[in-house]
């Protein structure tokens, strides 16, 4: 996921609780990876940790309920 794509999540007005359930499993994994890399920089954007925590929660929720593993979209 490119920085520009990550900015769409971090700088947008969308709530992670609304967005994350709609993502396909591959997109959710890519977002988790991009956020993890972003948090490892010297100056991560405000809100990145909250988004990352929400992504981890969504991945855990899907793992507990395999029927939801592909997302709603």
C-alpha atoms as a PDB file:
ATOM      1  CA  UNK A   1       0.000   0.000   0.000  1.00  0.00           C
ATOM      2  CA  UNK A   2       1.427   3.337  -1.031  1.00  0.00           C
ATOM      3  CA  UNK A   3       1.771   6.277   1.352  1.00  0.00           C
ATOM      4  CA  UNK A   4      -0.916   8.094  -0.582  1.00  0.00           C
ATOM      5  CA  UNK A   5      -3.340   5.206  -0.031  1.00  0.00           C
ATOM      6  CA  UNK A   6      -2.493   5.096   3.672  1.00  0.00           C
ATOM      7  CA  UNK A   7      -3.153   8.835   3.898  1.00  0.00           C
ATOM      8  CA  UNK A   8      -6.657   8.215   2.589  1.00  0.00           C
ATOM      9  CA  UNK A   9      -7.387   6.277   5.766  1.00  0.00           C
ATOM     10  CA  UNK A  10      -5.450   8.424   8.228  1.00  0.00           C
ATOM     11  CA  UNK A  11      -6.527  11.812   6.863  1.00  0.00           C
ATOM     12  CA  UNK A  12     -10.060  10.903   5.888  1.00  0.00           C
ATOM     13  CA  UNK A  13     -13.203  11.351   7.885  1.00  0.00           C
ATOM     14  CA  UNK A  14     -13.976   7.639   7.959  1.00  0.00           C
ATOM     15  CA  UNK A  15     -14.230   5.723  11.205  1.00  0.00           C
ATOM     16  CA  UNK A  16     -12.182   2.510  11.288  1.00  0.00           C
ATOM     17  CA  UNK A  17     -15.179   0.669  12.755  1.00  0.00           C
ATOM     18  CA  UNK A  18     -17.173   1.506   9.608  1.00  0.00           C
ATOM     19  CA  UNK A  19     -14.413   0.927   7.048  1.00  0.00           C
ATOM     20  CA  UNK A  20     -12.550  -2.164   8.230  1.00  0.00           C
ATOM     21  CA  UNK A  21     -15.432  -4.677   8.133  1.00  0.00           C
ATOM     22  CA  UNK A  22     -15.962  -3.812   4.450  1.00  0.00           C
ATOM     23  CA  UNK A  23     -12.385  -4.598   3.392  1.00  0.00           C
ATOM     24  CA  UNK A  24     -11.438  -7.887   1.795  1.00  0.00           C
ATOM     25  CA  UNK A  25      -8.998  -9.987   3.814  1.00  0.00           C
ATOM     26  CA  UNK A  26      -6.126  -9.160   1.432  1.00  0.00           C
ATOM     27  CA  UNK A  27      -6.786  -5.425   1.696  1.00  0.00           C
ATOM     28  CA  UNK A  28      -7.021  -5.635   5.476  1.00  0.00           C
ATOM     29  CA  UNK A  29      -3.669  -7.447   5.616  1.00  0.00           C
ATOM     30  CA  UNK A  30      -2.092  -4.853   3.305  1.00  0.00           C
ATOM     31  CA  UNK A  31      -3.430  -2.043   5.485  1.00  0.00           C
ATOM     32  CA  UNK A  32      -2.066  -3.727   8.623  1.00  0.00           C
ATOM     33  CA  UNK A  33       1.349  -4.060   6.994  1.00  0.00           C
ATOM     34  CA  UNK A  34       1.356  -0.443   5.788  1.00  0.00           C
ATOM     35  CA  UNK A  35       0.307   0.881   9.191  1.00  0.00           C
ATOM     36  CA  UNK A  36       2.935  -1.231  10.966  1.00  0.00           C
ATOM     37  CA  UNK A  37       5.637   0.132   8.657  1.00  0.00           C
ATOM     38  CA  UNK A  38       4.338   3.673   9.086  1.00  0.00           C
ATOM     39  CA  UNK A  39       4.397   3.369  12.877  1.00  0.00           C
ATOM     40  CA  UNK A  40       8.051   2.330  12.640  1.00  0.00           C
ATOM     41  CA  UNK A  41       9.001   5.740  11.181  1.00  0.00           C
ATOM     42  CA  UNK A  42      10.409   8.659  13.143  1.00  0.00           C
ATOM     43  CA  UNK A  43       7.208  10.708  12.829  1.00  0.00           C
ATOM     44  CA  UNK A  44       4.042   8.635  12.328  1.00  0.00           C
ATOM     45  CA  UNK A  45       0.856  10.562  11.701  1.00  0.00           C
ATOM     46  CA  UNK A  46      -1.574  11.186  14.524  1.00  0.00           C
ATOM     47  CA  UNK A  47      -4.214   8.488  14.530  1.00  0.00           C
ATOM     48  CA  UNK A  48      -2.042   5.778  12.973  1.00  0.00           C
ATOM     49  CA  UNK A  49      -1.831   3.804  16.219  1.00  0.00           C
ATOM     50  CA  UNK A  50      -5.608   3.873  16.653  1.00  0.00           C
ATOM     51  CA  UNK A  51      -6.097   2.649  13.084  1.00  0.00           C
ATOM     52  CA  UNK A  52      -3.514  -0.095  13.594  1.00  0.00           C
ATOM     53  CA  UNK A  53      -5.192  -1.225  16.819  1.00  0.00           C
ATOM     54  CA  UNK A  54      -8.555  -1.326  15.038  1.00  0.00           C
ATOM     55  CA  UNK A  55      -7.081  -3.360  12.172  1.00  0.00           C
ATOM     56  CA  UNK A  56      -5.617  -5.878  14.623  1.00  0.00           C
ATOM     57  CA  UNK A  57      -9.001  -6.118  16.361  1.00  0.00           C
ATOM     58  CA  UNK A  58     -10.747  -6.721  13.020  1.00  0.00           C
ATOM     59  CA  UNK A  59      -8.251  -9.423  12.035  1.00  0.00           C
ATOM     60  CA  UNK A  60      -8.775 -11.099  15.424  1.00  0.00           C
ATOM     61  CA  UNK A  61     -12.548 -10.871  15.061  1.00  0.00           C
ATOM     62  CA  UNK A  62     -12.400 -12.525  11.653  1.00  0.00           C
ATOM     63  CA  UNK A  63     -10.092 -15.255  12.916  1.00  0.00           C
ATOM     64  CA  UNK A  64     -12.625 -16.046  15.643  1.00  0.00           C
ATOM     65  CA  UNK A  65     -15.449 -16.091  13.085  1.00  0.00           C
ATOM     66  CA  UNK A  66     -14.083 -17.632   9.847  1.00  0.00           C
ATOM     67  CA  UNK A  67     -17.338 -17.011   7.969  1.00  0.00           C
ATOM     68  CA  UNK A  68     -16.534 -13.255   8.074  1.00  0.00           C
ATOM     69  CA  UNK A  69     -12.955 -13.669   6.814  1.00  0.00           C
ATOM     70  CA  UNK A  70     -13.604 -12.134   3.406  1.00  0.00           C
ATOM     71  CA  UNK A  71     -15.243  -8.935   4.611  1.00  0.00           C
ATOM     72  CA  UNK A  72     -18.602  -7.525   3.627  1.00  0.00           C
ATOM     73  CA  UNK A  73     -17.662  -5.800   0.364  1.00  0.00           C
END
